[in-house]
Amino acid sequence: MERQTGTTPGPPAQVARQPAAAPLDDVDRRMIAELVQDGRMAVRTLAERLHISRANAYSRLGRLVRDRVIRGFSVRLDPVQIGLTTAVYVTMQIEQDAWRDVRERLTRLPAIQHFALTGGAFDIIALARVPDQAHLRTLILDEIQSIPGVRNTQTQLVFEEVPDEVLLP
């Protein structure tokens, strides 16, 4: 599980559209790959691995952060180790004119780790983590289904997860 800190946004919220970032070159891509493996790497070490100057590394890193290619640095937690032993995907059908309010209410639920507004059979899919079935029941029946505009929910239990890193193509 990854929880963002600092200036990184949490669950989806209204984000102003940014101008397109400059295209990534090979050095940018290698820098990102190194930081995905170790986000705490010193810039000096990063520069050495990329065979560029420290000033160039600082400049590139600053640009990648400023352009929001890199949206923050975080700690990846093992959800089971911190007591969140039950993971589910919750799909929701909502009243179409209520999506803004539903989105806002979902951002306030601590158990919701991520959600997306989607097209198709359901309108929203959310990843939630809770300690146990009692907390899951409360989340679904008392919290999510009580949100005005939520018409229907379905819950899919997660048995196993693969790492959630975003890798460059």
N, C-alpha and C. Protein backbone atom coordinates (compact mmCIF):
# COMPACT_ATOMS: atom_id res chain seq x y z
N MET A 1 0.84 -1.16 0.00
CA MET A 1 0.00 0.00 0.00
C MET A 1 0.89 1.22 0.00
N GLU A 2 0.46 2.22 -0.68
CA GLU A 2 1.26 3.44 -0.75
C GLU A 2 0.40 4.60 -0.30
N ARG A 3 0.88 5.32 0.68
CA ARG A 3 0.17 6.50 1.15
C ARG A 3 1.06 7.69 0.87
N GLN A 4 0.58 8.61 0.12
CA GLN A 4 1.37 9.76 -0.29
C GLN A 4 1.42 10.79 0.83
N THR A 5 2.51 11.54 0.89
CA THR A 5 2.68 12.58 1.89
C THR A 5 3.11 13.87 1.21
N GLY A 6 3.23 14.91 1.99
CA GLY A 6 3.72 16.18 1.45
C GLY A 6 2.68 16.84 0.59
N THR A 7 3.12 17.32 -0.56
CA THR A 7 2.22 18.05 -1.45
C THR A 7 1.48 17.13 -2.40
N THR A 8 1.67 15.84 -2.26
CA THR A 8 1.04 14.89 -3.15
C THR A 8 -0.44 14.77 -2.81
N PRO A 9 -1.33 14.81 -3.79
CA PRO A 9 -2.75 14.67 -3.49
C PRO A 9 -3.06 13.25 -3.03
N GLY A 10 -4.07 13.11 -2.21
CA GLY A 10 -4.55 11.81 -1.78
C GLY A 10 -5.50 11.27 -2.82
N PRO A 11 -6.68 10.81 -2.40
CA PRO A 11 -7.64 10.29 -3.35
C PRO A 11 -8.02 11.35 -4.37
N PRO A 12 -8.67 10.94 -5.45
CA PRO A 12 -8.98 11.88 -6.52
C PRO A 12 -9.68 13.13 -6.01
N ALA A 13 -9.28 14.23 -6.52
CA ALA A 13 -9.89 15.52 -6.21
C ALA A 13 -9.79 16.36 -7.47
N GLN A 14 -10.44 17.49 -7.47
CA GLN A 14 -10.33 18.34 -8.64
C GLN A 14 -8.91 18.87 -8.73
N VAL A 15 -8.25 18.56 -9.83
CA VAL A 15 -6.88 19.00 -10.05
C VAL A 15 -6.89 19.86 -11.30
N ALA A 16 -6.36 21.05 -11.19
CA ALA A 16 -6.29 21.93 -12.35
C ALA A 16 -5.41 21.29 -13.41
N ARG A 17 -5.81 21.39 -14.64
CA ARG A 17 -5.03 20.82 -15.74
C ARG A 17 -3.72 21.58 -15.87
N GLN A 18 -2.63 20.83 -15.89
CA GLN A 18 -1.30 21.40 -16.03
C GLN A 18 -0.93 21.39 -17.51
N PRO A 19 -0.11 22.33 -17.94
CA PRO A 19 0.40 22.25 -19.31
C PRO A 19 1.21 20.96 -19.45
N ALA A 20 1.24 20.43 -20.65
CA ALA A 20 1.97 19.19 -20.88
C ALA A 20 3.44 19.37 -20.53
N ALA A 21 3.99 18.37 -19.85
CA ALA A 21 5.40 18.41 -19.47
C ALA A 21 6.26 18.18 -20.71
N ALA A 22 7.51 18.61 -20.62
CA ALA A 22 8.45 18.35 -21.70
C ALA A 22 8.60 16.84 -21.87
N PRO A 23 8.82 16.37 -23.09
CA PRO A 23 8.98 14.93 -23.29
C PRO A 23 10.15 14.40 -22.46
N LEU A 24 10.01 13.17 -22.01
CA LEU A 24 11.07 12.54 -21.22
C LEU A 24 12.14 11.98 -22.15
N ASP A 25 13.39 12.26 -21.83
CA ASP A 25 14.48 11.65 -22.59
C ASP A 25 14.98 10.42 -21.85
N ASP A 26 16.00 9.78 -22.39
CA ASP A 26 16.51 8.54 -21.80
C ASP A 26 17.04 8.76 -20.39
N VAL A 27 17.70 9.88 -20.15
CA VAL A 27 18.24 10.16 -18.81
C VAL A 27 17.09 10.34 -17.82
N ASP A 28 16.03 11.05 -18.22
CA ASP A 28 14.87 11.21 -17.35
C ASP A 28 14.28 9.84 -17.00
N ARG A 29 14.14 8.99 -18.00
CA ARG A 29 13.55 7.67 -17.77
C ARG A 29 14.42 6.83 -16.84
N ARG A 30 15.73 6.90 -17.03
CA ARG A 30 16.63 6.14 -16.14
C ARG A 30 16.58 6.71 -14.73
N MET A 31 16.47 8.04 -14.61
CA MET A 31 16.37 8.67 -13.30
C MET A 31 15.11 8.19 -12.59
N ILE A 32 14.01 8.19 -13.29
CA ILE A 32 12.75 7.73 -12.71
C ILE A 32 12.86 6.26 -12.29
N ALA A 33 13.45 5.43 -13.13
CA ALA A 33 13.61 4.01 -12.80
C ALA A 33 14.43 3.83 -11.52
N GLU A 34 15.50 4.60 -11.39
CA GLU A 34 16.33 4.53 -10.17
C GLU A 34 15.52 4.95 -8.95
N LEU A 35 14.75 6.02 -9.08
CA LEU A 35 13.98 6.52 -7.94
C LEU A 35 12.81 5.61 -7.58
N VAL A 36 12.26 4.91 -8.56
CA VAL A 36 11.22 3.93 -8.26
C VAL A 36 11.80 2.83 -7.37
N GLN A 37 13.03 2.44 -7.65
CA GLN A 37 13.68 1.40 -6.84
C GLN A 37 14.08 1.91 -5.46
N ASP A 38 14.50 3.17 -5.37
CA ASP A 38 14.94 3.74 -4.09
C ASP A 38 14.67 5.23 -4.08
N GLY A 39 13.51 5.61 -3.60
CA GLY A 39 13.11 7.02 -3.56
C GLY A 39 13.93 7.86 -2.59
N ARG A 40 14.74 7.20 -1.74
CA ARG A 40 15.57 7.93 -0.77
C ARG A 40 17.01 8.10 -1.27
N MET A 41 17.27 7.70 -2.49
CA MET A 41 18.62 7.77 -3.03
C MET A 41 19.13 9.22 -3.02
N ALA A 42 20.35 9.40 -2.59
CA ALA A 42 20.98 10.72 -2.60
C ALA A 42 21.16 11.19 -4.04
N VAL A 43 21.02 12.48 -4.26
CA VAL A 43 21.17 13.02 -5.61
C VAL A 43 22.58 12.75 -6.12
N ARG A 44 23.56 12.79 -5.26
CA ARG A 44 24.93 12.49 -5.68
C ARG A 44 25.04 11.07 -6.23
N THR A 45 24.45 10.11 -5.53
CA THR A 45 24.45 8.72 -5.99
C THR A 45 23.69 8.60 -7.30
N LEU A 46 22.56 9.27 -7.38
CA LEU A 46 21.76 9.27 -8.60
C LEU A 46 22.57 9.80 -9.78
N ALA A 47 23.26 10.91 -9.58
CA ALA A 47 24.09 11.50 -10.64
C ALA A 47 25.18 10.53 -11.07
N GLU A 48 25.82 9.88 -10.11
CA GLU A 48 26.88 8.91 -10.44
C GLU A 48 26.33 7.76 -11.26
N ARG A 49 25.19 7.22 -10.87
CA ARG A 49 24.60 6.09 -11.61
C ARG A 49 24.18 6.48 -13.02
N LEU A 50 23.77 7.72 -13.19
CA LEU A 50 23.32 8.18 -14.50
C LEU A 50 24.44 8.78 -15.33
N HIS A 51 25.63 8.92 -14.72
CA HIS A 51 26.79 9.51 -15.39
C HIS A 51 26.51 10.93 -15.86
N ILE A 52 25.91 11.71 -14.93
CA ILE A 52 25.67 13.13 -15.18
C ILE A 52 26.17 13.91 -13.97
N SER A 53 26.30 15.22 -14.12
CA SER A 53 26.75 16.04 -12.99
C SER A 53 25.66 16.13 -11.93
N ARG A 54 26.08 16.45 -10.72
CA ARG A 54 25.12 16.64 -9.63
C ARG A 54 24.17 17.79 -9.97
N ALA A 55 24.69 18.87 -10.54
CA ALA A 55 23.85 20.01 -10.91
C ALA A 55 22.79 19.60 -11.92
N ASN A 56 23.19 18.78 -12.90
CA ASN A 56 22.24 18.29 -13.90
C ASN A 56 21.18 17.41 -13.23
N ALA A 57 21.61 16.57 -12.30
CA ALA A 57 20.66 15.69 -11.60
C ALA A 57 19.65 16.52 -10.80
N TYR A 58 20.14 17.53 -10.06
CA TYR A 58 19.24 18.40 -9.31
C TYR A 58 18.26 19.11 -10.24
N SER A 59 18.77 19.61 -11.35
CA SER A 59 17.93 20.33 -12.30
C SER A 59 16.84 19.42 -12.88
N ARG A 60 17.25 18.24 -13.31
CA ARG A 60 16.28 17.30 -13.88
C ARG A 60 15.25 16.86 -12.85
N LEU A 61 15.71 16.55 -11.64
CA LEU A 61 14.79 16.12 -10.59
C LEU A 61 13.80 17.24 -10.27
N GLY A 62 14.30 18.46 -10.16
CA GLY A 62 13.41 19.59 -9.90
C GLY A 62 12.37 19.77 -10.99
N ARG A 63 12.80 19.61 -12.25
CA ARG A 63 11.85 19.74 -13.37
C ARG A 63 10.81 18.63 -13.33
N LEU A 64 11.23 17.40 -13.05
CA LEU A 64 10.29 16.28 -13.00
C LEU A 64 9.26 16.46 -11.88
N VAL A 65 9.69 17.02 -10.77
CA VAL A 65 8.76 17.30 -9.66
C VAL A 65 7.86 18.47 -10.02
N ARG A 66 8.43 19.55 -10.54
CA ARG A 66 7.67 20.74 -10.90
C ARG A 66 6.61 20.42 -11.97
N ASP A 67 6.99 19.58 -12.94
CA ASP A 67 6.05 19.20 -14.01
C ASP A 67 5.09 18.10 -13.58
N ARG A 68 5.20 17.66 -12.33
CA ARG A 68 4.34 16.63 -11.75
C ARG A 68 4.47 15.27 -12.44
N VAL A 69 5.62 15.04 -13.08
CA VAL A 69 5.93 13.69 -13.56
C VAL A 69 6.17 12.83 -12.32
N ILE A 70 6.96 13.36 -11.39
CA ILE A 70 7.13 12.76 -10.07
C ILE A 70 6.22 13.55 -9.15
N ARG A 71 5.24 12.86 -8.56
CA ARG A 71 4.23 13.54 -7.76
C ARG A 71 4.46 13.44 -6.27
N GLY A 72 5.63 13.05 -5.88
CA GLY A 72 5.94 12.98 -4.46
C GLY A 72 6.80 11.78 -4.16
N PHE A 73 7.23 11.70 -2.95
CA PHE A 73 8.04 10.59 -2.47
C PHE A 73 7.29 10.02 -1.28
N SER A 74 7.25 8.70 -1.17
CA SER A 74 6.41 8.11 -0.14
C SER A 74 7.03 6.84 0.42
N VAL A 75 6.38 6.35 1.44
CA VAL A 75 6.74 5.09 2.07
C VAL A 75 5.69 4.07 1.65
N ARG A 76 6.11 2.90 1.25
CA ARG A 76 5.18 1.83 0.93
C ARG A 76 5.01 0.95 2.16
N LEU A 77 3.79 0.82 2.60
CA LEU A 77 3.49 0.04 3.79
C LEU A 77 2.93 -1.33 3.41
N ASP A 78 3.20 -2.31 4.24
CA ASP A 78 2.56 -3.61 4.09
C ASP A 78 1.24 -3.53 4.86
N PRO A 79 0.10 -3.57 4.16
CA PRO A 79 -1.17 -3.37 4.85
C PRO A 79 -1.42 -4.39 5.97
N VAL A 80 -1.02 -5.62 5.76
CA VAL A 80 -1.24 -6.65 6.78
C VAL A 80 -0.44 -6.32 8.04
N GLN A 81 0.79 -5.84 7.87
CA GLN A 81 1.64 -5.52 9.01
C GLN A 81 1.10 -4.36 9.84
N ILE A 82 0.27 -3.52 9.25
CA ILE A 82 -0.31 -2.41 10.01
C ILE A 82 -1.77 -2.67 10.37
N GLY A 83 -2.19 -3.93 10.24
CA GLY A 83 -3.51 -4.33 10.70
C GLY A 83 -4.64 -4.21 9.71
N LEU A 84 -4.35 -3.90 8.46
CA LEU A 84 -5.40 -3.80 7.44
C LEU A 84 -5.41 -5.11 6.65
N THR A 85 -6.01 -6.14 7.24
CA THR A 85 -5.91 -7.49 6.70
C THR A 85 -6.95 -7.82 5.64
N THR A 86 -7.95 -6.97 5.48
CA THR A 86 -9.01 -7.22 4.51
C THR A 86 -9.00 -6.13 3.45
N ALA A 87 -8.85 -6.54 2.20
CA ALA A 87 -8.88 -5.60 1.07
C ALA A 87 -10.05 -5.98 0.17
N VAL A 88 -10.75 -4.97 -0.31
CA VAL A 88 -11.89 -5.19 -1.21
C VAL A 88 -11.90 -4.12 -2.29
N TYR A 89 -12.50 -4.48 -3.40
CA TYR A 89 -12.88 -3.50 -4.41
C TYR A 89 -14.38 -3.33 -4.29
N VAL A 90 -14.82 -2.09 -4.20
CA VAL A 90 -16.24 -1.79 -4.12
C VAL A 90 -16.62 -1.07 -5.40
N THR A 91 -17.56 -1.65 -6.14
CA THR A 91 -18.07 -0.96 -7.32
C THR A 91 -19.39 -0.31 -6.94
N MET A 92 -19.63 0.86 -7.52
CA MET A 92 -20.83 1.62 -7.17
C MET A 92 -21.52 2.12 -8.43
N GLN A 93 -22.83 2.08 -8.37
CA GLN A 93 -23.64 2.79 -9.35
C GLN A 93 -24.20 4.00 -8.63
N ILE A 94 -24.12 5.15 -9.29
CA ILE A 94 -24.57 6.38 -8.63
C ILE A 94 -25.53 7.14 -9.54
N GLU A 95 -26.27 8.04 -8.94
CA GLU A 95 -27.10 8.95 -9.71
C GLU A 95 -26.15 9.90 -10.44
N GLN A 96 -26.35 10.06 -11.72
CA GLN A 96 -25.37 10.78 -12.55
C GLN A 96 -25.13 12.22 -12.12
N ASP A 97 -26.14 12.88 -11.59
CA ASP A 97 -25.93 14.27 -11.19
C ASP A 97 -25.30 14.39 -9.80
N ALA A 98 -25.01 13.26 -9.15
CA ALA A 98 -24.45 13.28 -7.79
C ALA A 98 -22.97 12.98 -7.74
N TRP A 99 -22.31 12.83 -8.89
CA TRP A 99 -20.93 12.33 -8.88
C TRP A 99 -19.98 13.24 -8.11
N ARG A 100 -20.16 14.54 -8.17
CA ARG A 100 -19.25 15.44 -7.44
C ARG A 100 -19.39 15.26 -5.93
N ASP A 101 -20.63 15.18 -5.45
CA ASP A 101 -20.85 14.99 -4.02
C ASP A 101 -20.37 13.62 -3.55
N VAL A 102 -20.63 12.59 -4.34
CA VAL A 102 -20.17 11.24 -3.99
C VAL A 102 -18.65 11.22 -3.95
N ARG A 103 -18.02 11.80 -4.94
CA ARG A 103 -16.55 11.86 -4.98
C ARG A 103 -16.01 12.54 -3.73
N GLU A 104 -16.60 13.66 -3.36
CA GLU A 104 -16.15 14.40 -2.17
C GLU A 104 -16.31 13.56 -0.90
N ARG A 105 -17.42 12.88 -0.76
CA ARG A 105 -17.66 12.06 0.44
C ARG A 105 -16.69 10.88 0.50
N LEU A 106 -16.41 10.26 -0.64
CA LEU A 106 -15.48 9.13 -0.65
C LEU A 106 -14.08 9.56 -0.25
N THR A 107 -13.68 10.77 -0.61
CA THR A 107 -12.33 11.23 -0.25
C THR A 107 -12.18 11.36 1.26
N ARG A 108 -13.28 11.44 1.98
CA ARG A 108 -13.22 11.59 3.44
C ARG A 108 -13.24 10.27 4.19
N LEU A 109 -13.36 9.16 3.50
CA LEU A 109 -13.39 7.85 4.17
C LEU A 109 -11.98 7.29 4.24
N PRO A 110 -11.41 7.18 5.43
CA PRO A 110 -10.02 6.72 5.56
C PRO A 110 -9.76 5.32 5.01
N ALA A 111 -10.77 4.47 5.00
CA ALA A 111 -10.57 3.10 4.50
C ALA A 111 -10.41 3.06 2.99
N ILE A 112 -10.87 4.08 2.29
CA ILE A 112 -10.76 4.11 0.83
C ILE A 112 -9.34 4.53 0.48
N GLN A 113 -8.60 3.62 -0.15
CA GLN A 113 -7.21 3.88 -0.51
C GLN A 113 -7.09 4.56 -1.87
N HIS A 114 -8.00 4.24 -2.75
CA HIS A 114 -7.96 4.77 -4.12
C HIS A 114 -9.34 4.56 -4.71
N PHE A 115 -9.77 5.47 -5.56
CA PHE A 115 -10.98 5.20 -6.32
C PHE A 115 -10.90 5.92 -7.66
N ALA A 116 -11.72 5.44 -8.58
CA ALA A 116 -11.76 6.00 -9.93
C ALA A 116 -13.20 6.10 -10.39
N LEU A 117 -13.50 7.20 -11.07
CA LEU A 117 -14.78 7.34 -11.76
C LEU A 117 -14.62 6.63 -13.10
N THR A 118 -15.55 5.76 -13.42
CA THR A 118 -15.40 4.91 -14.60
C THR A 118 -16.63 4.97 -15.49
N GLY A 119 -16.50 4.43 -16.68
CA GLY A 119 -17.62 4.27 -17.58
C GLY A 119 -17.88 2.78 -17.75
N GLY A 120 -19.12 2.41 -17.96
CA GLY A 120 -19.43 0.99 -18.13
C GLY A 120 -20.52 0.55 -17.18
N ALA A 121 -20.40 -0.69 -16.69
CA ALA A 121 -21.43 -1.29 -15.85
C ALA A 121 -21.57 -0.60 -14.50
N PHE A 122 -20.52 0.04 -14.03
CA PHE A 122 -20.58 0.78 -12.76
C PHE A 122 -19.90 2.12 -12.96
N ASP A 123 -20.15 3.02 -12.03
CA ASP A 123 -19.68 4.39 -12.16
C ASP A 123 -18.40 4.67 -11.38
N ILE A 124 -18.20 3.93 -10.30
CA ILE A 124 -17.03 4.13 -9.44
C ILE A 124 -16.50 2.77 -9.02
N ILE A 125 -15.18 2.64 -8.98
CA ILE A 125 -14.56 1.48 -8.36
C ILE A 125 -13.58 2.01 -7.32
N ALA A 126 -13.64 1.41 -6.12
CA ALA A 126 -12.81 1.88 -5.01
C ALA A 126 -12.08 0.70 -4.38
N LEU A 127 -10.81 0.94 -4.04
CA LEU A 127 -10.04 -0.03 -3.26
C LEU A 127 -10.13 0.41 -1.81
N ALA A 128 -10.57 -0.50 -0.95
CA ALA A 128 -10.68 -0.20 0.48
C ALA A 128 -9.90 -1.24 1.27
N ARG A 129 -9.34 -0.80 2.39
CA ARG A 129 -8.63 -1.71 3.31
C ARG A 129 -9.16 -1.47 4.71
N VAL A 130 -9.50 -2.58 5.37
CA VAL A 130 -10.04 -2.53 6.73
C VAL A 130 -9.42 -3.65 7.55
N PRO A 131 -9.52 -3.55 8.89
CA PRO A 131 -8.91 -4.58 9.73
C PRO A 131 -9.64 -5.92 9.68
N ASP A 132 -10.97 -5.90 9.51
CA ASP A 132 -11.72 -7.15 9.61
C ASP A 132 -13.10 -6.99 8.99
N GLN A 133 -13.90 -8.07 9.05
CA GLN A 133 -15.22 -8.05 8.44
C GLN A 133 -16.18 -7.09 9.13
N ALA A 134 -16.04 -6.90 10.43
CA ALA A 134 -16.91 -5.96 11.15
C ALA A 134 -16.70 -4.54 10.61
N HIS A 135 -15.44 -4.16 10.41
CA HIS A 135 -15.15 -2.84 9.84
C HIS A 135 -15.62 -2.75 8.39
N LEU A 136 -15.52 -3.85 7.66
CA LEU A 136 -15.99 -3.87 6.28
C LEU A 136 -17.50 -3.64 6.23
N ARG A 137 -18.21 -4.32 7.12
CA ARG A 137 -19.66 -4.15 7.18
C ARG A 137 -20.01 -2.68 7.45
N THR A 138 -19.35 -2.08 8.41
CA THR A 138 -19.60 -0.66 8.73
C THR A 138 -19.29 0.23 7.53
N LEU A 139 -18.16 -0.04 6.87
CA LEU A 139 -17.78 0.77 5.71
C LEU A 139 -18.85 0.70 4.62
N ILE A 140 -19.27 -0.51 4.27
CA ILE A 140 -20.21 -0.67 3.16
C ILE A 140 -21.61 -0.21 3.55
N LEU A 141 -22.15 -0.79 4.63
CA LEU A 141 -23.56 -0.55 4.96
C LEU A 141 -23.82 0.81 5.61
N ASP A 142 -22.91 1.26 6.46
CA ASP A 142 -23.17 2.51 7.18
C ASP A 142 -22.55 3.74 6.51
N GLU A 143 -21.39 3.57 5.89
CA GLU A 143 -20.70 4.74 5.34
C GLU A 143 -20.96 4.93 3.85
N ILE A 144 -20.63 3.94 3.03
CA ILE A 144 -20.77 4.13 1.57
C ILE A 144 -22.24 4.16 1.16
N GLN A 145 -23.03 3.18 1.61
CA GLN A 145 -24.42 3.13 1.16
C GLN A 145 -25.27 4.27 1.72
N SER A 146 -24.77 4.98 2.71
CA SER A 146 -25.53 6.13 3.24
C SER A 146 -25.22 7.43 2.50
N ILE A 147 -24.28 7.38 1.57
CA ILE A 147 -23.94 8.59 0.80
C ILE A 147 -25.08 8.88 -0.18
N PRO A 148 -25.67 10.07 -0.10
CA PRO A 148 -26.73 10.41 -1.05
C PRO A 148 -26.20 10.31 -2.48
N GLY A 149 -26.97 9.66 -3.33
CA GLY A 149 -26.57 9.49 -4.72
C GLY A 149 -26.01 8.11 -5.03
N VAL A 150 -25.60 7.35 -4.02
CA VAL A 150 -25.13 5.98 -4.26
C VAL A 150 -26.36 5.09 -4.35
N ARG A 151 -26.57 4.47 -5.52
CA ARG A 151 -27.75 3.64 -5.74
C ARG A 151 -27.50 2.17 -5.43
N ASN A 152 -26.27 1.70 -5.70
CA ASN A 152 -26.00 0.27 -5.58
C ASN A 152 -24.51 0.07 -5.37
N THR A 153 -24.15 -0.92 -4.56
CA THR A 153 -22.74 -1.29 -4.40
C THR A 153 -22.59 -2.79 -4.57
N GLN A 154 -21.43 -3.19 -5.02
CA GLN A 154 -21.02 -4.59 -5.04
C GLN A 154 -19.61 -4.64 -4.50
N THR A 155 -19.34 -5.67 -3.71
CA THR A 155 -18.04 -5.79 -3.05
C THR A 155 -17.34 -7.04 -3.52
N GLN A 156 -16.09 -6.88 -3.98
CA GLN A 156 -15.26 -8.01 -4.40
C GLN A 156 -14.10 -8.13 -3.43
N LEU A 157 -13.98 -9.29 -2.80
CA LEU A 157 -12.91 -9.55 -1.85
C LEU A 157 -11.61 -9.81 -2.59
N VAL A 158 -10.52 -9.22 -2.14
CA VAL A 158 -9.19 -9.42 -2.74
C VAL A 158 -8.51 -10.55 -1.99
N PHE A 159 -8.08 -11.58 -2.73
CA PHE A 159 -7.37 -12.70 -2.13
C PHE A 159 -5.86 -12.49 -2.12
N GLU A 160 -5.35 -11.88 -3.19
CA GLU A 160 -3.91 -11.68 -3.31
C GLU A 160 -3.66 -10.47 -4.21
N GLU A 161 -2.60 -9.73 -3.91
CA GLU A 161 -2.26 -8.55 -4.70
C GLU A 161 -0.85 -8.67 -5.24
N VAL A 162 -0.62 -8.04 -6.38
CA VAL A 162 0.72 -7.92 -6.93
C VAL A 162 1.19 -6.50 -6.65
N PRO A 163 2.48 -6.24 -6.69
CA PRO A 163 2.96 -4.87 -6.41
C PRO A 163 2.25 -3.84 -7.27
N ASP A 164 2.09 -2.65 -6.70
CA ASP A 164 1.33 -1.59 -7.36
C ASP A 164 2.19 -0.47 -7.92
N GLU A 165 3.42 -0.77 -8.27
CA GLU A 165 4.31 0.26 -8.79
C GLU A 165 3.91 0.65 -10.21
N VAL A 166 4.01 1.92 -10.51
CA VAL A 166 3.79 2.40 -11.86
C VAL A 166 5.15 2.44 -12.54
N LEU A 167 5.28 1.64 -13.58
CA LEU A 167 6.55 1.55 -14.29
C LEU A 167 6.44 2.22 -15.64
N LEU A 168 7.53 2.74 -16.12
CA LEU A 168 7.55 3.34 -17.45
C LEU A 168 7.46 2.25 -18.51
N PRO A 169 6.75 2.52 -19.59
CA PRO A 169 6.68 1.53 -20.68
C PRO A 169 8.03 1.39 -21.37
